[in-house]
Amino acid sequence: MLHSHKKGNALVDLIIAMIILGLVSISVVGAYTSLMSIASNSFRNSQASWFGNSVMEIYSAKAFGDIIADNNFTLNDQFPGYTADITVEPKNVDLLESTITPGDGASNYTEITAVISGQGVDDILTYTTLRSDCNEEGPILTSISTDYLSGQNSVP
């Protein structure tokens, strides 16, 4: 394309170039902002996950009678700004029927739930576990077999 040497054409070319550069810049800034937000959320979620795992480890290691609710559990030295709202509910567990139902003070199981919040966001993650008092009798073995069949049919 031939360009004339008039100053008006150079000015129009400059304005068009600035408009194109502006549109490209807007999309680049938008993508950068989006990526920074994703990175920030990923870091926050990762920290909340580590905090939640730590909370559940601490509560799982407590004596059964010492497990109590806490609506503001923190580990500020390791996870500043993160809190856990911990609820504790007694549960009845029937292993034969595979059921879990609400319990009372005499229940041998308790359900521990920790809702993790932090960095200005509530309810980032929720952890739930079932803890046993470990005082129920286990299954009773009625027989042990050491028979080994190597592809042969056996007769009872």
N, C-alpha and C. Protein backbone atom coordinates (compact mmCIF):
# COMPACT_ATOMS: atom_id res chain seq x y z
N MET A 1 0.84 -1.17 0.00
CA MET A 1 0.00 0.00 0.00
C MET A 1 0.89 1.23 0.00
N LEU A 2 0.56 2.14 -0.83
CA LEU A 2 1.33 3.37 -0.92
C LEU A 2 0.79 4.39 0.05
N HIS A 3 1.69 5.03 0.75
CA HIS A 3 1.30 6.08 1.70
C HIS A 3 1.72 7.42 1.14
N SER A 4 0.85 8.35 1.30
CA SER A 4 1.26 9.69 0.90
C SER A 4 1.99 10.31 2.07
N HIS A 5 2.71 11.32 1.81
CA HIS A 5 3.53 11.94 2.83
C HIS A 5 2.81 13.08 3.52
N LYS A 6 1.51 13.04 3.54
CA LYS A 6 0.77 14.10 4.20
C LYS A 6 0.77 13.84 5.69
N LYS A 7 0.81 14.92 6.47
CA LYS A 7 0.83 14.80 7.92
C LYS A 7 -0.49 14.26 8.44
N GLY A 8 -1.58 14.48 7.78
CA GLY A 8 -2.88 13.99 8.22
C GLY A 8 -2.95 12.48 8.24
N ASN A 9 -2.36 11.84 7.26
CA ASN A 9 -2.36 10.37 7.23
C ASN A 9 -1.51 9.79 8.35
N ALA A 10 -0.40 10.38 8.65
CA ALA A 10 0.45 9.89 9.74
C ALA A 10 -0.27 10.02 11.08
N LEU A 11 -1.02 11.09 11.25
CA LEU A 11 -1.77 11.30 12.49
C LEU A 11 -2.88 10.26 12.62
N VAL A 12 -3.58 9.94 11.53
CA VAL A 12 -4.62 8.91 11.55
C VAL A 12 -3.99 7.55 11.86
N ASP A 13 -2.85 7.24 11.24
CA ASP A 13 -2.17 5.98 11.52
C ASP A 13 -1.76 5.89 12.99
N LEU A 14 -1.30 6.98 13.55
CA LEU A 14 -0.90 7.01 14.96
C LEU A 14 -2.11 6.79 15.87
N ILE A 15 -3.22 7.40 15.58
CA ILE A 15 -4.44 7.23 16.40
C ILE A 15 -4.93 5.79 16.32
N ILE A 16 -4.95 5.21 15.13
CA ILE A 16 -5.38 3.81 14.98
C ILE A 16 -4.44 2.88 15.74
N ALA A 17 -3.15 3.12 15.65
CA ALA A 17 -2.17 2.30 16.37
C ALA A 17 -2.39 2.40 17.88
N MET A 18 -2.68 3.60 18.39
CA MET A 18 -2.91 3.80 19.82
C MET A 18 -4.18 3.08 20.26
N ILE A 19 -5.21 3.10 19.44
CA ILE A 19 -6.46 2.40 19.77
C ILE A 19 -6.22 0.89 19.83
N ILE A 20 -5.50 0.36 18.85
CA ILE A 20 -5.20 -1.08 18.83
C ILE A 20 -4.35 -1.45 20.05
N LEU A 21 -3.33 -0.65 20.34
CA LEU A 21 -2.48 -0.89 21.49
C LEU A 21 -3.28 -0.82 22.79
N GLY A 22 -4.21 0.10 22.90
CA GLY A 22 -5.05 0.22 24.09
C GLY A 22 -5.94 -1.00 24.28
N LEU A 23 -6.54 -1.50 23.19
CA LEU A 23 -7.39 -2.69 23.28
C LEU A 23 -6.59 -3.92 23.70
N VAL A 24 -5.41 -4.07 23.13
CA VAL A 24 -4.55 -5.19 23.50
C VAL A 24 -4.14 -5.07 24.97
N SER A 25 -3.81 -3.88 25.42
CA SER A 25 -3.39 -3.66 26.81
C SER A 25 -4.51 -4.00 27.77
N ILE A 26 -5.74 -3.64 27.44
CA ILE A 26 -6.87 -3.94 28.31
C ILE A 26 -7.03 -5.45 28.48
N SER A 27 -6.92 -6.22 27.41
CA SER A 27 -7.07 -7.67 27.52
C SER A 27 -5.90 -8.29 28.28
N VAL A 28 -4.70 -7.77 28.11
CA VAL A 28 -3.54 -8.29 28.83
C VAL A 28 -3.67 -8.00 30.32
N VAL A 29 -4.09 -6.80 30.68
CA VAL A 29 -4.27 -6.44 32.10
C VAL A 29 -5.38 -7.29 32.71
N GLY A 30 -6.46 -7.54 31.97
CA GLY A 30 -7.54 -8.39 32.47
C GLY A 30 -7.07 -9.80 32.74
N ALA A 31 -6.29 -10.36 31.83
CA ALA A 31 -5.77 -11.72 32.01
C ALA A 31 -4.80 -11.77 33.19
N TYR A 32 -3.96 -10.76 33.33
CA TYR A 32 -3.00 -10.71 34.44
C TYR A 32 -3.74 -10.63 35.78
N THR A 33 -4.76 -9.79 35.84
CA THR A 33 -5.54 -9.64 37.07
C THR A 33 -6.22 -10.96 37.42
N SER A 34 -6.77 -11.64 36.43
CA SER A 34 -7.43 -12.92 36.65
C SER A 34 -6.43 -13.96 37.16
N LEU A 35 -5.26 -14.02 36.57
CA LEU A 35 -4.24 -14.97 37.00
C LEU A 35 -3.76 -14.69 38.42
N MET A 36 -3.62 -13.43 38.77
CA MET A 36 -3.21 -13.07 40.13
C MET A 36 -4.27 -13.48 41.14
N SER A 37 -5.54 -13.31 40.79
CA SER A 37 -6.63 -13.72 41.67
C SER A 37 -6.64 -15.22 41.87
N ILE A 38 -6.44 -15.97 40.79
CA ILE A 38 -6.39 -17.44 40.89
C ILE A 38 -5.22 -17.88 41.77
N ALA A 39 -4.07 -17.27 41.59
CA ALA A 39 -2.90 -17.62 42.39
C ALA A 39 -3.13 -17.31 43.87
N SER A 40 -3.74 -16.18 44.15
CA SER A 40 -4.03 -15.80 45.53
C SER A 40 -5.02 -16.77 46.17
N ASN A 41 -6.08 -17.12 45.44
CA ASN A 41 -7.07 -18.06 45.97
C ASN A 41 -6.45 -19.44 46.18
N SER A 42 -5.58 -19.86 45.29
CA SER A 42 -4.92 -21.16 45.43
C SER A 42 -4.05 -21.19 46.68
N PHE A 43 -3.32 -20.13 46.93
CA PHE A 43 -2.48 -20.07 48.12
C PHE A 43 -3.34 -20.09 49.37
N ARG A 44 -4.42 -19.31 49.38
CA ARG A 44 -5.33 -19.27 50.53
C ARG A 44 -5.93 -20.65 50.79
N ASN A 45 -6.38 -21.32 49.73
CA ASN A 45 -6.99 -22.64 49.89
C ASN A 45 -5.96 -23.68 50.36
N SER A 46 -4.75 -23.56 49.87
CA SER A 46 -3.69 -24.46 50.30
C SER A 46 -3.39 -24.28 51.79
N GLN A 47 -3.27 -23.04 52.22
CA GLN A 47 -3.03 -22.76 53.64
C GLN A 47 -4.20 -23.25 54.50
N ALA A 48 -5.43 -23.02 54.03
CA ALA A 48 -6.61 -23.48 54.77
C ALA A 48 -6.62 -25.00 54.88
N SER A 49 -6.19 -25.67 53.82
CA SER A 49 -6.13 -27.13 53.83
C SER A 49 -5.11 -27.64 54.85
N TRP A 50 -3.94 -27.05 54.86
CA TRP A 50 -2.92 -27.44 55.84
C TRP A 50 -3.40 -27.16 57.26
N PHE A 51 -4.03 -26.02 57.46
CA PHE A 51 -4.55 -25.67 58.78
C PHE A 51 -5.62 -26.68 59.20
N GLY A 52 -6.55 -26.99 58.30
CA GLY A 52 -7.61 -27.94 58.60
C GLY A 52 -7.06 -29.32 58.95
N ASN A 53 -6.06 -29.78 58.20
CA ASN A 53 -5.43 -31.06 58.52
C ASN A 53 -4.80 -31.03 59.90
N SER A 54 -4.16 -29.92 60.24
CA SER A 54 -3.54 -29.79 61.56
C SER A 54 -4.59 -29.81 62.66
N VAL A 55 -5.70 -29.11 62.45
CA VAL A 55 -6.77 -29.08 63.44
C VAL A 55 -7.32 -30.49 63.67
N MET A 56 -7.56 -31.23 62.60
CA MET A 56 -8.11 -32.57 62.73
C MET A 56 -7.11 -33.51 63.40
N GLU A 57 -5.82 -33.34 63.13
CA GLU A 57 -4.80 -34.16 63.80
C GLU A 57 -4.80 -33.88 65.30
N ILE A 58 -4.89 -32.62 65.68
CA ILE A 58 -4.90 -32.24 67.09
C ILE A 58 -6.13 -32.83 67.78
N TYR A 59 -7.28 -32.68 67.17
CA TYR A 59 -8.51 -33.18 67.79
C TYR A 59 -8.57 -34.71 67.79
N SER A 60 -7.98 -35.36 66.82
CA SER A 60 -7.96 -36.82 66.81
C SER A 60 -7.03 -37.37 67.87
N ALA A 61 -6.03 -36.60 68.27
CA ALA A 61 -5.08 -37.05 69.27
C ALA A 61 -5.55 -36.79 70.70
N LYS A 62 -6.59 -35.99 70.88
CA LYS A 62 -7.08 -35.69 72.22
C LYS A 62 -7.74 -36.91 72.84
N ALA A 63 -7.72 -36.96 74.17
CA ALA A 63 -8.48 -38.00 74.87
C ALA A 63 -9.96 -37.80 74.53
N PHE A 64 -10.70 -38.89 74.46
CA PHE A 64 -12.10 -38.83 74.01
C PHE A 64 -12.91 -37.83 74.85
N GLY A 65 -12.72 -37.83 76.14
CA GLY A 65 -13.47 -36.93 77.02
C GLY A 65 -13.06 -35.47 76.91
N ASP A 66 -11.90 -35.20 76.30
CA ASP A 66 -11.40 -33.82 76.16
C ASP A 66 -11.80 -33.16 74.85
N ILE A 67 -12.54 -33.86 74.02
CA ILE A 67 -12.95 -33.30 72.73
C ILE A 67 -14.17 -32.42 72.97
N ILE A 68 -13.97 -31.11 72.84
CA ILE A 68 -15.05 -30.16 73.06
C ILE A 68 -15.13 -29.18 71.90
N ALA A 69 -16.30 -28.57 71.74
CA ALA A 69 -16.50 -27.59 70.67
C ALA A 69 -15.68 -26.34 70.95
N ASP A 70 -15.30 -25.66 69.89
CA ASP A 70 -14.55 -24.40 70.00
C ASP A 70 -14.87 -23.58 68.75
N ASN A 71 -15.49 -22.41 68.94
CA ASN A 71 -15.88 -21.62 67.76
C ASN A 71 -14.80 -20.65 67.30
N ASN A 72 -13.60 -20.75 67.89
CA ASN A 72 -12.54 -19.83 67.48
C ASN A 72 -11.17 -20.46 67.69
N PHE A 73 -10.98 -21.68 67.20
CA PHE A 73 -9.71 -22.38 67.36
C PHE A 73 -8.70 -21.78 66.39
N THR A 74 -7.51 -21.46 66.88
CA THR A 74 -6.46 -20.88 66.03
C THR A 74 -5.12 -21.54 66.31
N LEU A 75 -4.24 -21.44 65.36
CA LEU A 75 -2.82 -21.78 65.49
C LEU A 75 -2.05 -20.60 64.90
N ASN A 76 -2.09 -19.48 65.59
CA ASN A 76 -1.58 -18.23 65.02
C ASN A 76 -0.10 -18.25 64.68
N ASP A 77 0.70 -19.05 65.38
CA ASP A 77 2.13 -19.10 65.05
C ASP A 77 2.37 -19.73 63.69
N GLN A 78 1.61 -20.79 63.37
CA GLN A 78 1.81 -21.48 62.11
C GLN A 78 0.89 -20.97 61.00
N PHE A 79 -0.34 -20.59 61.35
CA PHE A 79 -1.34 -20.18 60.35
C PHE A 79 -2.03 -18.90 60.79
N PRO A 80 -1.32 -17.77 60.73
CA PRO A 80 -1.94 -16.52 61.18
C PRO A 80 -3.13 -16.13 60.29
N GLY A 81 -4.20 -15.72 60.92
CA GLY A 81 -5.37 -15.26 60.19
C GLY A 81 -6.39 -16.34 59.89
N TYR A 82 -6.10 -17.59 60.24
CA TYR A 82 -7.03 -18.68 59.98
C TYR A 82 -7.68 -19.13 61.29
N THR A 83 -8.97 -19.43 61.24
CA THR A 83 -9.69 -19.92 62.41
C THR A 83 -10.51 -21.15 62.02
N ALA A 84 -10.81 -21.94 63.03
CA ALA A 84 -11.65 -23.12 62.82
C ALA A 84 -12.83 -23.04 63.80
N ASP A 85 -14.02 -23.22 63.26
CA ASP A 85 -15.23 -23.34 64.08
C ASP A 85 -15.48 -24.82 64.23
N ILE A 86 -15.23 -25.35 65.43
CA ILE A 86 -15.28 -26.78 65.66
C ILE A 86 -16.56 -27.15 66.41
N THR A 87 -17.32 -28.06 65.83
CA THR A 87 -18.51 -28.60 66.49
C THR A 87 -18.28 -30.06 66.78
N VAL A 88 -18.88 -30.51 67.89
CA VAL A 88 -18.73 -31.89 68.33
C VAL A 88 -20.12 -32.43 68.64
N GLU A 89 -20.46 -33.55 67.99
CA GLU A 89 -21.78 -34.15 68.20
C GLU A 89 -21.63 -35.63 68.51
N PRO A 90 -22.26 -36.10 69.59
CA PRO A 90 -22.21 -37.53 69.88
C PRO A 90 -22.99 -38.32 68.82
N LYS A 91 -22.49 -39.49 68.49
CA LYS A 91 -23.12 -40.33 67.47
C LYS A 91 -23.20 -41.77 67.96
N ASN A 92 -24.22 -42.46 67.52
CA ASN A 92 -24.35 -43.89 67.72
C ASN A 92 -24.03 -44.56 66.39
N VAL A 93 -23.14 -45.53 66.44
CA VAL A 93 -22.73 -46.23 65.23
C VAL A 93 -23.08 -47.70 65.38
N ASP A 94 -23.80 -48.21 64.42
CA ASP A 94 -24.12 -49.64 64.36
C ASP A 94 -23.31 -50.23 63.22
N LEU A 95 -22.26 -50.96 63.59
CA LEU A 95 -21.35 -51.51 62.59
C LEU A 95 -22.00 -52.62 61.77
N LEU A 96 -22.93 -53.35 62.38
CA LEU A 96 -23.59 -54.43 61.64
C LEU A 96 -24.54 -53.89 60.59
N GLU A 97 -25.22 -52.80 60.91
CA GLU A 97 -26.19 -52.21 59.98
C GLU A 97 -25.58 -51.08 59.15
N SER A 98 -24.35 -50.70 59.47
CA SER A 98 -23.66 -49.59 58.79
C SER A 98 -24.47 -48.30 58.85
N THR A 99 -24.90 -47.95 60.06
CA THR A 99 -25.67 -46.72 60.25
C THR A 99 -25.01 -45.84 61.30
N ILE A 100 -25.19 -44.55 61.10
CA ILE A 100 -24.72 -43.55 62.06
C ILE A 100 -25.93 -42.68 62.38
N THR A 101 -26.28 -42.60 63.67
CA THR A 101 -27.43 -41.82 64.10
C THR A 101 -27.02 -40.88 65.22
N PRO A 102 -27.81 -39.81 65.47
CA PRO A 102 -27.49 -38.91 66.59
C PRO A 102 -27.44 -39.69 67.90
N GLY A 103 -26.50 -39.31 68.75
CA GLY A 103 -26.31 -40.00 70.01
C GLY A 103 -26.57 -39.10 71.21
N ASP A 104 -26.11 -39.57 72.35
CA ASP A 104 -26.25 -38.79 73.59
C ASP A 104 -24.93 -38.84 74.33
N GLY A 105 -24.92 -38.43 75.58
CA GLY A 105 -23.69 -38.39 76.36
C GLY A 105 -23.04 -39.74 76.57
N ALA A 106 -23.80 -40.83 76.41
CA ALA A 106 -23.26 -42.17 76.61
C ALA A 106 -22.72 -42.77 75.31
N SER A 107 -22.76 -42.04 74.22
CA SER A 107 -22.32 -42.56 72.93
C SER A 107 -20.82 -42.81 72.92
N ASN A 108 -20.44 -43.86 72.21
CA ASN A 108 -19.02 -44.21 72.10
C ASN A 108 -18.33 -43.57 70.91
N TYR A 109 -19.09 -42.79 70.16
CA TYR A 109 -18.52 -42.10 68.99
C TYR A 109 -18.89 -40.62 69.06
N THR A 110 -18.05 -39.83 68.47
CA THR A 110 -18.34 -38.40 68.34
C THR A 110 -17.92 -37.95 66.95
N GLU A 111 -18.74 -37.08 66.38
CA GLU A 111 -18.42 -36.52 65.07
C GLU A 111 -17.82 -35.14 65.28
N ILE A 112 -16.63 -34.95 64.74
CA ILE A 112 -15.93 -33.67 64.86
C ILE A 112 -15.99 -32.99 63.51
N THR A 113 -16.48 -31.75 63.48
CA THR A 113 -16.55 -30.97 62.25
C THR A 113 -15.79 -29.67 62.47
N ALA A 114 -14.87 -29.37 61.56
CA ALA A 114 -14.10 -28.12 61.61
C ALA A 114 -14.35 -27.34 60.34
N VAL A 115 -14.92 -26.14 60.49
CA VAL A 115 -15.16 -25.25 59.35
C VAL A 115 -14.04 -24.21 59.37
N ILE A 116 -13.24 -24.19 58.33
CA ILE A 116 -12.05 -23.34 58.25
C ILE A 116 -12.38 -22.03 57.56
N SER A 117 -11.97 -20.91 58.19
CA SER A 117 -12.13 -19.58 57.62
C SER A 117 -10.80 -18.84 57.72
N GLY A 118 -10.61 -17.86 56.84
CA GLY A 118 -9.39 -17.06 56.93
C GLY A 118 -9.21 -16.18 55.71
N GLN A 119 -8.30 -15.23 55.84
CA GLN A 119 -7.97 -14.31 54.76
C GLN A 119 -9.21 -13.58 54.24
N GLY A 120 -10.14 -13.25 55.17
CA GLY A 120 -11.34 -12.52 54.79
C GLY A 120 -12.42 -13.36 54.14
N VAL A 121 -12.27 -14.68 54.15
CA VAL A 121 -13.25 -15.56 53.53
C VAL A 121 -13.75 -16.55 54.58
N ASP A 122 -15.07 -16.65 54.74
CA ASP A 122 -15.65 -17.62 55.67
C ASP A 122 -15.90 -18.94 54.95
N ASP A 123 -15.85 -20.00 55.71
CA ASP A 123 -16.21 -21.34 55.22
C ASP A 123 -15.43 -21.74 53.97
N ILE A 124 -14.10 -21.64 54.03
CA ILE A 124 -13.28 -22.03 52.90
C ILE A 124 -13.37 -23.54 52.69
N LEU A 125 -13.17 -24.29 53.78
CA LEU A 125 -13.19 -25.76 53.73
C LEU A 125 -13.90 -26.30 54.97
N THR A 126 -14.47 -27.48 54.85
CA THR A 126 -15.09 -28.14 55.99
C THR A 126 -14.52 -29.56 56.10
N TYR A 127 -14.05 -29.89 57.28
CA TYR A 127 -13.53 -31.22 57.56
C TYR A 127 -14.46 -31.89 58.57
N THR A 128 -14.74 -33.18 58.35
CA THR A 128 -15.57 -33.95 59.27
C THR A 128 -14.93 -35.31 59.47
N THR A 129 -14.88 -35.75 60.72
CA THR A 129 -14.36 -37.07 61.03
C THR A 129 -15.18 -37.68 62.15
N LEU A 130 -15.14 -38.98 62.25
CA LEU A 130 -15.84 -39.71 63.29
C LEU A 130 -14.78 -40.32 64.20
N ARG A 131 -14.88 -40.02 65.49
CA ARG A 131 -13.88 -40.49 66.46
C ARG A 131 -14.52 -41.49 67.42
N SER A 132 -13.85 -42.60 67.65
CA SER A 132 -14.35 -43.64 68.54
C SER A 132 -13.72 -43.51 69.91
N ASP A 133 -14.47 -43.92 70.93
CA ASP A 133 -13.94 -43.98 72.29
C ASP A 133 -13.05 -45.20 72.46
N CYS A 134 -13.06 -46.09 71.50
CA CYS A 134 -12.21 -47.29 71.46
C CYS A 134 -12.43 -48.21 72.66
N ASN A 135 -13.62 -48.20 73.24
CA ASN A 135 -13.84 -49.11 74.37
C ASN A 135 -14.86 -50.20 74.03
N GLU A 136 -15.27 -50.27 72.76
CA GLU A 136 -16.15 -51.35 72.36
C GLU A 136 -15.32 -52.58 72.05
N GLU A 137 -15.91 -53.74 72.30
CA GLU A 137 -15.21 -54.97 71.98
C GLU A 137 -15.16 -55.16 70.47
N GLY A 138 -14.06 -55.66 70.00
CA GLY A 138 -13.92 -55.93 68.58
C GLY A 138 -14.58 -57.24 68.21
N PRO A 139 -14.49 -57.61 66.98
CA PRO A 139 -15.10 -58.88 66.56
C PRO A 139 -14.39 -60.06 67.22
N ILE A 140 -15.14 -61.11 67.46
CA ILE A 140 -14.58 -62.32 68.07
C ILE A 140 -14.31 -63.32 66.95
N LEU A 141 -13.08 -63.82 66.90
CA LEU A 141 -12.71 -64.81 65.89
C LEU A 141 -13.26 -66.16 66.31
N THR A 142 -13.96 -66.80 65.41
CA THR A 142 -14.52 -68.12 65.72
C THR A 142 -13.73 -69.24 65.06
N SER A 143 -12.96 -68.91 64.04
CA SER A 143 -12.12 -69.95 63.43
C SER A 143 -11.04 -69.30 62.60
N ILE A 144 -10.00 -70.05 62.42
CA ILE A 144 -8.89 -69.63 61.57
C ILE A 144 -8.58 -70.78 60.63
N SER A 145 -8.43 -70.48 59.37
CA SER A 145 -8.15 -71.52 58.40
C SER A 145 -6.82 -71.23 57.73
N THR A 146 -6.05 -72.27 57.58
CA THR A 146 -4.78 -72.12 56.86
C THR A 146 -4.75 -72.99 55.61
N ASP A 147 -5.95 -73.44 55.20
CA ASP A 147 -6.04 -74.26 54.00
C ASP A 147 -5.65 -73.43 52.79
N TYR A 148 -4.88 -74.04 51.92
CA TYR A 148 -4.48 -73.38 50.69
C TYR A 148 -4.83 -74.30 49.54
N LEU A 149 -5.64 -73.77 48.64
CA LEU A 149 -6.03 -74.55 47.48
C LEU A 149 -5.34 -73.97 46.26
N SER A 150 -4.55 -74.76 45.60
CA SER A 150 -3.83 -74.26 44.43
C SER A 150 -4.53 -74.70 43.16
N GLY A 151 -5.71 -74.16 42.94
CA GLY A 151 -6.42 -74.45 41.71
C GLY A 151 -7.16 -75.78 41.73
N GLN A 152 -7.19 -76.48 42.84
CA GLN A 152 -7.89 -77.77 42.93
C GLN A 152 -9.27 -77.54 43.51
N ASN A 153 -10.18 -78.35 43.11
CA ASN A 153 -11.52 -78.30 43.70
C ASN A 153 -11.48 -79.00 45.05
N SER A 154 -12.13 -78.41 46.02
CA SER A 154 -12.15 -79.02 47.34
C SER A 154 -13.54 -79.56 47.63
N VAL A 155 -13.56 -80.54 48.45
CA VAL A 155 -14.81 -81.12 48.87
C VAL A 155 -15.04 -80.74 50.32
N PRO A 156 -16.21 -80.14 50.63
CA PRO A 156 -16.41 -79.72 52.03
C PRO A 156 -16.53 -80.88 52.97
